[in-house]
């Protein structure tokens, strides 16, 4: 049983779909701050990520409920479809208000697809290899995160930005085509009915996954700040292609993801998360101290190592703690925390920054303090929760 094969065709199809999906919306990120400034909205740079994550977070309860009812594949397809439509509309809505509206709508994409994807992986992979599988999938997703920004920078260097938006839409459409070849894994799939959109409190928050949700929130505050500030910080330090930083930190993330997943399966999620948060604290301090291209990219490399450890461990921990029949809801809760962390980090960073470069270092130092709070939480929270987290076969209910 321990040698059960997990690298099946459907697993690789799912990873390929996620790669295209990630590439689709990430290729826009480095170019959007300058694009928004060209529209006259430089004061709203923090909203680029902030609005995106607001709707991503608000849509999680719906995506979790639909994942547990109408199935995994339809919910993944909805997420990719939102990317297709929004990317096509960016060149048409050329006012600041129109742009911000699209960022708000675009967030529904990541509110839907990752939730259903994580549930699908947990369906097709045995529990004792969830960490490894989440790590491999995260590797593919992060490859898109690396290639997307670099490709976006290349496209805008030679073509109008409208071409970038159309390429983004094309990638998302490719993600949908792949999903059409995936077999549904939900054992009791229902037909869609509007009543399924009636959300109750229990659809918003799954108490069993609370420890993973707290750590996810605290860990992703820095990510939101980085997404908001790095384009301007990179330009200030002399980086010609704004996507270079994303390539470096994603490549380093890829280097440890497979190891991180296997390590969390063997040593426990909390063990890996403690290491990840220590590295994260060091990395954001390095970013604040950066004074050259080399030091900036070095900080990005170290930050990538931390996220490569952090992401698969939090996803697998959430799957550990979730009830089997409500796995979608558990994943949605974790992703709500993720989006809240990114959104708050982005909006606070944007509000403090306001195009004043001298504010960037203290913002990064503040992010280090937040990550430190997460480390303290892991070191001192209730030992029974730590016992459950170290054994993937157990849940809080069993404890």
Protein backbone atom coordinates (compact mmCIF):
# COMPACT_ATOMS: atom_id res chain seq x y z
CA UNK A 1 0.00 0.00 0.00
CA UNK A 2 2.85 2.41 0.87
CA UNK A 3 4.10 2.23 -2.72
CA UNK A 4 0.77 3.15 -4.28
CA UNK A 5 1.36 5.10 -7.47
CA UNK A 6 0.38 8.76 -7.34
CA UNK A 7 1.88 10.10 -10.57
CA UNK A 8 -1.03 9.10 -12.79
CA UNK A 9 -2.15 10.72 -16.04
CA UNK A 10 -4.95 12.62 -14.29
CA UNK A 11 -2.49 13.95 -11.73
CA UNK A 12 -0.20 15.31 -14.45
CA UNK A 13 -3.14 16.73 -16.39
CA UNK A 14 -4.20 18.55 -13.24
CA UNK A 15 -0.66 19.89 -12.77
CA UNK A 16 -0.55 21.05 -16.42
CA UNK A 17 -3.85 22.87 -16.04
CA UNK A 18 -2.59 24.59 -12.90
CA UNK A 19 0.62 25.60 -14.67
CA UNK A 20 -1.32 27.38 -17.43
CA UNK A 21 -3.73 28.92 -14.93
CA UNK A 22 -0.89 30.26 -12.78
CA UNK A 23 0.94 31.61 -15.82
CA UNK A 24 -2.21 33.34 -16.99
CA UNK A 25 -2.75 35.72 -14.09
CA UNK A 26 0.86 35.95 -12.90
CA UNK A 27 2.19 37.21 -16.23
CA UNK A 28 0.20 40.39 -15.60
CA UNK A 29 1.45 41.21 -12.11
CA UNK A 30 4.82 42.91 -12.81
CA UNK A 31 3.33 45.12 -15.52
CA UNK A 32 0.11 46.20 -13.81
CA UNK A 33 1.58 48.89 -11.48
CA UNK A 34 3.04 50.82 -14.44
CA UNK A 35 -0.13 50.23 -16.46
CA UNK A 36 -2.30 51.59 -13.65
CA UNK A 37 -0.02 54.64 -13.34
CA UNK A 38 -0.42 55.26 -17.09
CA UNK A 39 -4.18 55.37 -16.51
CA UNK A 40 -3.69 57.97 -13.77
CA UNK A 41 -4.13 55.62 -10.83
CA UNK A 42 -0.67 55.52 -9.23
CA UNK A 43 -2.23 56.15 -5.81
CA UNK A 44 -4.12 52.86 -6.08
CA UNK A 45 -1.21 50.44 -6.60
CA UNK A 46 -1.98 48.61 -3.36
CA UNK A 47 -5.43 47.82 -4.78
CA UNK A 48 -3.96 45.76 -7.65
CA UNK A 49 -3.42 42.82 -5.33
CA UNK A 50 -5.78 43.93 -2.57
CA UNK A 51 -8.97 43.96 -4.65
CA UNK A 52 -7.99 40.70 -6.33
CA UNK A 53 -7.65 38.96 -2.98
CA UNK A 54 -10.86 40.44 -1.54
CA UNK A 55 -13.05 38.66 -4.06
CA UNK A 56 -10.83 35.58 -3.96
CA UNK A 57 -11.45 35.39 -0.23
CA UNK A 58 -15.17 36.20 -0.44
CA UNK A 59 -15.69 33.52 -3.07
CA UNK A 60 -13.99 30.75 -1.07
CA UNK A 61 -17.10 29.71 0.91
CA UNK A 62 -19.00 29.39 -2.38
CA UNK A 63 -16.21 27.47 -4.07
CA UNK A 64 -15.84 25.18 -1.06
CA UNK A 65 -19.57 24.42 -0.96
CA UNK A 66 -19.77 23.88 -4.71
CA UNK A 67 -16.65 21.69 -4.66
CA UNK A 68 -18.37 19.45 -2.10
CA UNK A 69 -21.64 19.35 -4.11
CA UNK A 70 -21.43 19.83 -7.89
CA UNK A 71 -17.89 18.44 -8.06
CA UNK A 72 -14.24 19.38 -8.34
CA UNK A 73 -13.86 19.72 -12.11
CA UNK A 74 -16.72 22.21 -12.74
CA UNK A 75 -15.44 24.51 -10.00
CA UNK A 76 -11.90 24.41 -11.43
CA UNK A 77 -13.30 25.27 -14.86
CA UNK A 78 -15.20 28.27 -13.47
CA UNK A 79 -11.97 29.64 -12.02
CA UNK A 80 -10.13 29.38 -15.34
CA UNK A 81 -13.07 30.84 -17.25
CA UNK A 82 -12.98 34.00 -15.11
CA UNK A 83 -9.34 34.48 -16.16
CA UNK A 84 -10.28 34.11 -19.82
CA UNK A 85 -13.01 36.75 -19.65
CA UNK A 86 -11.23 39.29 -17.43
CA UNK A 87 -8.01 39.23 -19.45
CA UNK A 88 -10.00 39.95 -22.62
CA UNK A 89 -11.71 42.92 -20.95
CA UNK A 90 -8.61 44.75 -19.63
CA UNK A 91 -7.86 46.43 -23.01
CA UNK A 92 -11.50 47.54 -23.27
CA UNK A 93 -11.96 49.13 -19.83
CA UNK A 94 -9.24 51.79 -19.89
CA UNK A 95 -10.26 53.96 -16.94
CA UNK A 96 -8.97 53.65 -13.38
CA UNK A 97 -12.46 52.64 -12.18
CA UNK A 98 -12.79 50.06 -14.95
CA UNK A 99 -9.37 48.61 -14.16
CA UNK A 100 -10.13 48.33 -10.44
CA UNK A 101 -13.48 46.68 -11.22
CA UNK A 102 -11.72 44.06 -13.32
CA UNK A 103 -9.19 43.39 -10.57
CA UNK A 104 -12.13 42.82 -8.24
CA UNK A 105 -13.76 40.38 -10.68
CA UNK A 106 -10.49 38.69 -11.59
CA UNK A 107 -10.08 37.55 -7.99
CA UNK A 108 -12.92 35.07 -8.41
CA UNK A 109 -10.53 32.95 -10.48
CA UNK A 110 -8.19 32.09 -7.61
CA UNK A 111 -11.20 31.89 -5.30
CA UNK A 112 -12.45 28.88 -7.25
CA UNK A 113 -9.72 26.91 -8.98
CA UNK A 114 -7.16 26.26 -6.19
CA UNK A 115 -9.88 25.19 -3.72
CA UNK A 116 -11.22 22.49 -6.04
CA UNK A 117 -7.72 21.51 -7.17
CA UNK A 118 -6.55 20.80 -3.62
CA UNK A 119 -9.66 18.70 -2.97
CA UNK A 120 -9.09 16.79 -6.23
CA UNK A 121 -5.50 15.98 -5.24
CA UNK A 122 -6.65 14.71 -1.84
CA UNK A 123 -9.21 12.51 -3.65
CA UNK A 124 -6.70 10.81 -5.97
CA UNK A 125 -3.66 10.55 -3.66
CA UNK A 126 -3.41 8.41 -0.47
CA UNK A 127 -3.26 10.48 2.72
CA UNK A 128 0.27 9.37 3.65
CA UNK A 129 1.61 11.02 0.45
CA UNK A 130 -0.44 14.23 0.50
CA UNK A 131 2.59 16.35 1.38
CA UNK A 132 4.58 14.94 -1.54
CA UNK A 133 1.68 15.37 -3.98
CA UNK A 134 0.97 18.92 -2.82
CA UNK A 135 4.66 19.68 -3.26
CA UNK A 136 4.75 18.35 -6.84
CA UNK A 137 1.57 20.20 -7.77
CA UNK A 138 2.92 23.34 -6.13
CA UNK A 139 6.08 22.94 -8.18
CA UNK A 140 4.03 23.03 -11.39
CA UNK A 141 1.91 25.94 -10.17
CA UNK A 142 5.02 27.85 -9.16
CA UNK A 143 6.69 27.17 -12.48
CA UNK A 144 3.83 29.13 -14.00
CA UNK A 145 4.40 31.81 -11.38
CA UNK A 146 8.03 32.07 -12.53
CA UNK A 147 7.50 31.83 -16.27
CA UNK A 148 4.43 34.08 -16.28
CA UNK A 149 6.07 37.30 -15.03
CA UNK A 150 9.19 36.76 -17.16
CA UNK A 151 7.03 36.13 -20.23
CA UNK A 152 4.93 39.19 -19.38
CA UNK A 153 8.01 41.37 -19.23
CA UNK A 154 9.23 39.98 -22.56
CA UNK A 155 5.90 40.56 -24.30
CA UNK A 156 5.53 44.15 -23.13
CA UNK A 157 9.11 44.87 -24.22
CA UNK A 158 8.20 44.19 -27.85
CA UNK A 159 4.41 44.53 -28.10
CA UNK A 160 1.59 46.75 -26.78
CA UNK A 161 0.28 45.71 -23.38
CA UNK A 162 -2.99 44.61 -25.00
CA UNK A 163 -1.07 41.64 -26.45
CA UNK A 164 -0.09 40.67 -22.90
CA UNK A 165 -3.75 40.60 -21.87
CA UNK A 166 -4.70 38.44 -24.85
CA UNK A 167 -1.86 36.01 -24.11
CA UNK A 168 -3.07 35.76 -20.52
CA UNK A 169 -6.55 34.87 -21.77
CA UNK A 170 -5.12 32.26 -24.14
CA UNK A 171 -3.21 30.51 -21.33
CA UNK A 172 -6.34 30.37 -19.17
CA UNK A 173 -8.32 28.91 -22.06
CA UNK A 174 -5.68 26.17 -22.41
CA UNK A 175 -6.21 25.35 -18.74
CA UNK A 176 -9.93 24.78 -19.41
CA UNK A 177 -9.21 22.49 -22.40
CA UNK A 178 -7.09 20.26 -20.17
CA UNK A 179 -9.78 20.14 -17.47
CA UNK A 180 -12.25 18.78 -20.02
CA UNK A 181 -10.17 15.58 -20.07
CA UNK A 182 -10.30 15.03 -16.30
CA UNK A 183 -12.72 12.57 -14.73
CA UNK A 184 -14.75 13.86 -11.80
CA UNK A 185 -13.73 12.37 -8.43
CA UNK A 186 -16.64 13.48 -6.24
CA UNK A 187 -18.49 10.28 -5.22
CA UNK A 188 -21.92 11.89 -4.86
CA UNK A 189 -22.02 14.74 -7.36
CA UNK A 190 -25.19 16.88 -7.46
CA UNK A 191 -26.74 19.00 -10.18
CA UNK A 192 -26.31 22.73 -9.68
CA UNK A 193 -29.21 24.55 -8.06
CA UNK A 194 -29.30 28.21 -6.91
CA UNK A 195 -29.97 27.06 -3.35
CA UNK A 196 -26.38 25.78 -3.26
CA UNK A 197 -25.29 29.44 -3.22
CA UNK A 198 -26.99 30.00 0.13
CA UNK A 199 -24.00 30.24 2.42
CA UNK A 200 -24.20 29.51 6.13
CA UNK A 201 -21.50 30.23 8.70
CA UNK A 202 -20.34 26.61 8.68
CA UNK A 203 -19.69 26.98 4.93
CA UNK A 204 -17.41 29.95 5.62
CA UNK A 205 -15.27 28.52 8.38
CA UNK A 206 -14.22 24.95 9.14
CA UNK A 207 -13.08 24.96 12.80
CA UNK A 208 -11.03 21.77 12.42
CA UNK A 209 -8.48 23.54 10.21
CA UNK A 210 -8.07 26.61 12.44
CA UNK A 211 -4.35 26.01 13.26
CA UNK A 212 -3.41 25.76 9.57
CA UNK A 213 -5.54 28.80 8.74
CA UNK A 214 -3.81 30.99 11.35
CA UNK A 215 -0.34 30.09 10.11
CA UNK A 216 -1.39 30.56 6.49
CA UNK A 217 -2.66 34.06 7.23
CA UNK A 218 0.48 35.17 9.07
CA UNK A 219 2.79 33.60 6.48
CA UNK A 220 1.22 35.29 3.48
CA UNK A 221 1.22 38.87 4.78
CA UNK A 222 4.75 39.26 3.42
CA UNK A 223 3.75 37.82 0.05
CA UNK A 224 1.12 40.52 -0.45
CA UNK A 225 3.65 43.23 0.43
CA UNK A 226 6.22 41.75 -1.96
CA UNK A 227 3.78 41.59 -4.87
CA UNK A 228 2.95 45.27 -4.32
CA UNK A 229 6.42 46.69 -3.69
CA UNK A 230 8.89 44.59 -5.69
CA UNK A 231 8.13 46.12 -9.13
CA UNK A 232 9.08 49.61 -7.85
CA UNK A 233 11.91 48.32 -5.63
CA UNK A 234 13.36 46.32 -8.55
CA UNK A 235 13.25 49.33 -10.86
CA UNK A 236 14.89 51.53 -8.23
CA UNK A 237 17.75 49.05 -7.79
CA UNK A 238 18.33 48.72 -11.54
CA UNK A 239 16.55 45.50 -12.54
CA UNK A 240 15.59 45.90 -16.19
CA UNK A 241 12.97 43.13 -16.45
CA UNK A 242 10.56 43.42 -13.53
CA UNK A 243 9.80 39.71 -13.82
CA UNK A 244 13.40 38.76 -12.93
CA UNK A 245 12.76 38.80 -9.18
CA UNK A 246 9.76 36.47 -9.57
CA UNK A 247 11.81 34.06 -11.65
CA UNK A 248 14.57 33.89 -9.02
CA UNK A 249 12.34 33.41 -6.02
CA UNK A 250 10.17 30.87 -7.84
CA UNK A 251 13.12 28.84 -9.09
CA UNK A 252 14.46 28.59 -5.53
CA UNK A 253 10.97 27.60 -4.39
CA UNK A 254 10.91 24.81 -6.96
CA UNK A 255 14.25 23.49 -5.70
CA UNK A 256 12.82 22.59 -2.29
CA UNK A 257 9.15 21.81 -2.94
CA UNK A 258 9.48 18.08 -3.55
CA UNK A 259 11.81 17.68 -0.59
CA UNK A 260 9.50 19.82 1.55
CA UNK A 261 6.47 17.68 0.77
CA UNK A 262 8.24 14.43 1.58
CA UNK A 263 9.77 15.93 4.70
CA UNK A 264 6.36 17.05 5.99
CA UNK A 265 4.99 13.52 5.37
CA UNK A 266 7.78 12.06 7.51
CA UNK A 267 8.60 14.70 10.13
CA UNK A 268 5.25 16.47 10.38
CA UNK A 269 3.81 19.70 9.03
CA UNK A 270 4.68 21.81 12.08
CA UNK A 271 8.35 20.80 11.90
CA UNK A 272 8.59 22.02 8.30
CA UNK A 273 6.59 25.19 8.96
CA UNK A 274 8.92 26.26 11.77
CA UNK A 275 11.90 26.02 9.43
CA UNK A 276 9.98 27.86 6.70
CA UNK A 277 9.09 30.78 8.95
CA UNK A 278 12.65 31.21 10.21
CA UNK A 279 13.88 31.40 6.61
CA UNK A 280 11.03 33.78 5.73
CA UNK A 281 12.01 36.18 8.50
CA UNK A 282 15.60 36.24 7.25
CA UNK A 283 14.52 36.73 3.63
CA UNK A 284 12.27 39.76 4.11
CA UNK A 285 14.96 41.43 6.25
CA UNK A 286 17.40 40.85 3.38
CA UNK A 287 14.92 42.43 0.95
CA UNK A 288 14.68 45.49 3.18
CA UNK A 289 18.47 45.76 3.34
CA UNK A 290 18.93 45.29 -0.43
CA UNK A 291 21.02 48.00 -2.05
CA UNK A 292 21.88 46.39 -5.39
CA UNK A 293 20.48 44.00 -7.96
CA UNK A 294 22.55 41.15 -6.50
CA UNK A 295 21.36 41.69 -2.93
CA UNK A 296 17.75 42.02 -4.06
CA UNK A 297 17.87 38.76 -6.00
CA UNK A 298 19.65 37.05 -3.11
CA UNK A 299 16.78 38.06 -0.84
CA UNK A 300 14.33 36.79 -3.43
CA UNK A 301 16.16 33.46 -3.61
CA UNK A 302 15.97 32.99 0.17
CA UNK A 303 12.31 34.04 0.18
CA UNK A 304 11.61 31.40 -2.46
CA UNK A 305 13.13 28.73 -0.23
CA UNK A 306 10.75 29.73 2.56
CA UNK A 307 7.63 29.62 0.36
CA UNK A 308 8.75 26.32 -1.16
CA UNK A 309 8.70 24.83 2.32
CA UNK A 310 5.67 26.74 3.57
CA UNK A 311 3.08 26.20 0.84
CA UNK A 312 2.91 22.38 0.53
CA UNK A 313 3.08 21.99 4.31
CA UNK A 314 0.08 24.26 4.94
CA UNK A 315 -1.96 22.59 2.17
CA UNK A 316 -1.19 19.09 3.43
CA UNK A 317 -1.85 20.11 7.03
CA UNK A 318 -5.25 21.46 6.02
CA UNK A 319 -6.05 18.16 4.27
CA UNK A 320 -4.95 16.29 7.43
CA UNK A 321 -7.27 18.29 9.65
CA UNK A 322 -10.29 18.38 7.31
CA UNK A 323 -13.22 16.00 7.57
CA UNK A 324 -13.32 13.75 4.50
CA UNK A 325 -16.87 14.79 3.57
CA UNK A 326 -16.07 18.50 3.93
CA UNK A 327 -12.62 18.63 2.41
CA UNK A 328 -13.66 21.42 0.05
CA UNK A 329 -14.84 23.51 2.98
CA UNK A 330 -11.60 22.89 4.84
CA UNK A 331 -9.52 23.93 1.84
CA UNK A 332 -11.73 26.98 1.33
CA UNK A 333 -11.11 28.06 4.93
CA UNK A 334 -7.36 27.79 4.47
CA UNK A 335 -7.50 29.74 1.22
CA UNK A 336 -9.67 32.44 2.81
CA UNK A 337 -6.85 32.93 5.31
CA UNK A 338 -4.32 32.95 2.46
CA UNK A 339 -6.22 35.61 0.53
CA UNK A 340 -6.78 37.66 3.67
CA UNK A 341 -3.06 37.59 4.38
CA UNK A 342 -2.09 38.56 0.84
CA UNK A 343 -4.80 41.22 0.60
CA UNK A 344 -4.05 42.88 3.93
CA UNK A 345 -0.32 42.72 3.25
CA UNK A 346 -0.78 44.29 -0.18
CA UNK A 347 -3.18 47.03 0.87
CA UNK A 348 -1.27 48.05 3.99
CA UNK A 349 1.99 48.06 2.03
CA UNK A 350 0.44 50.15 -0.74
CA UNK A 351 -1.07 52.58 1.75
CA UNK A 352 2.24 53.05 3.58
CA UNK A 353 4.33 53.17 0.40
CA UNK A 354 2.54 55.86 -1.66
CA UNK A 355 5.49 56.00 -4.10
CA UNK A 356 7.95 56.85 -1.29
CA UNK A 357 10.86 54.45 -1.77
CA UNK A 358 12.27 55.10 1.70
CA UNK A 359 9.18 53.37 3.16
CA UNK A 360 9.93 50.00 1.52
CA UNK A 361 12.60 48.73 3.97
CA UNK A 362 10.54 49.36 7.15
CA UNK A 363 7.53 47.69 5.51
CA UNK A 364 9.62 44.57 4.90
CA UNK A 365 10.91 44.66 8.48
CA UNK A 366 7.30 44.80 9.65
CA UNK A 367 6.58 41.69 7.57
CA UNK A 368 9.42 39.95 9.40
CA UNK A 369 7.69 40.70 12.72
CA UNK A 370 4.43 39.20 11.43
CA UNK A 371 6.22 36.02 10.32
CA UNK A 372 7.84 35.96 13.75
CA UNK A 373 4.37 35.98 15.32
CA UNK A 374 3.56 32.88 13.27
CA UNK A 375 6.70 31.17 14.54
CA UNK A 376 5.77 31.98 18.13
CA UNK A 377 2.29 30.54 17.52
CA UNK A 378 3.79 27.25 16.32
CA UNK A 379 6.21 27.08 19.24
CA UNK A 380 3.63 27.67 21.97
CA UNK A 381 0.14 26.64 20.82
CA UNK A 382 -1.71 23.74 22.48
CA UNK A 383 0.43 20.56 22.45
CA UNK A 384 -2.53 18.38 21.47
CA UNK A 385 -2.82 20.29 18.21
CA UNK A 386 0.89 19.81 17.61
CA UNK A 387 0.47 16.07 18.21
CA UNK A 388 -2.31 15.94 15.61
CA UNK A 389 -0.27 17.99 13.15
CA UNK A 390 2.73 15.67 13.40
CA UNK A 391 0.67 12.60 12.48
CA UNK A 392 -1.05 12.95 9.07
CA UNK A 393 -3.34 10.02 9.87
CA UNK A 394 -5.00 11.86 12.77
CA UNK A 395 -7.46 14.74 12.97
CA UNK A 396 -8.50 17.11 15.75
CA UNK A 397 -11.67 15.11 16.22
CA UNK A 398 -9.62 12.02 17.07
CA UNK A 399 -7.51 13.94 19.52
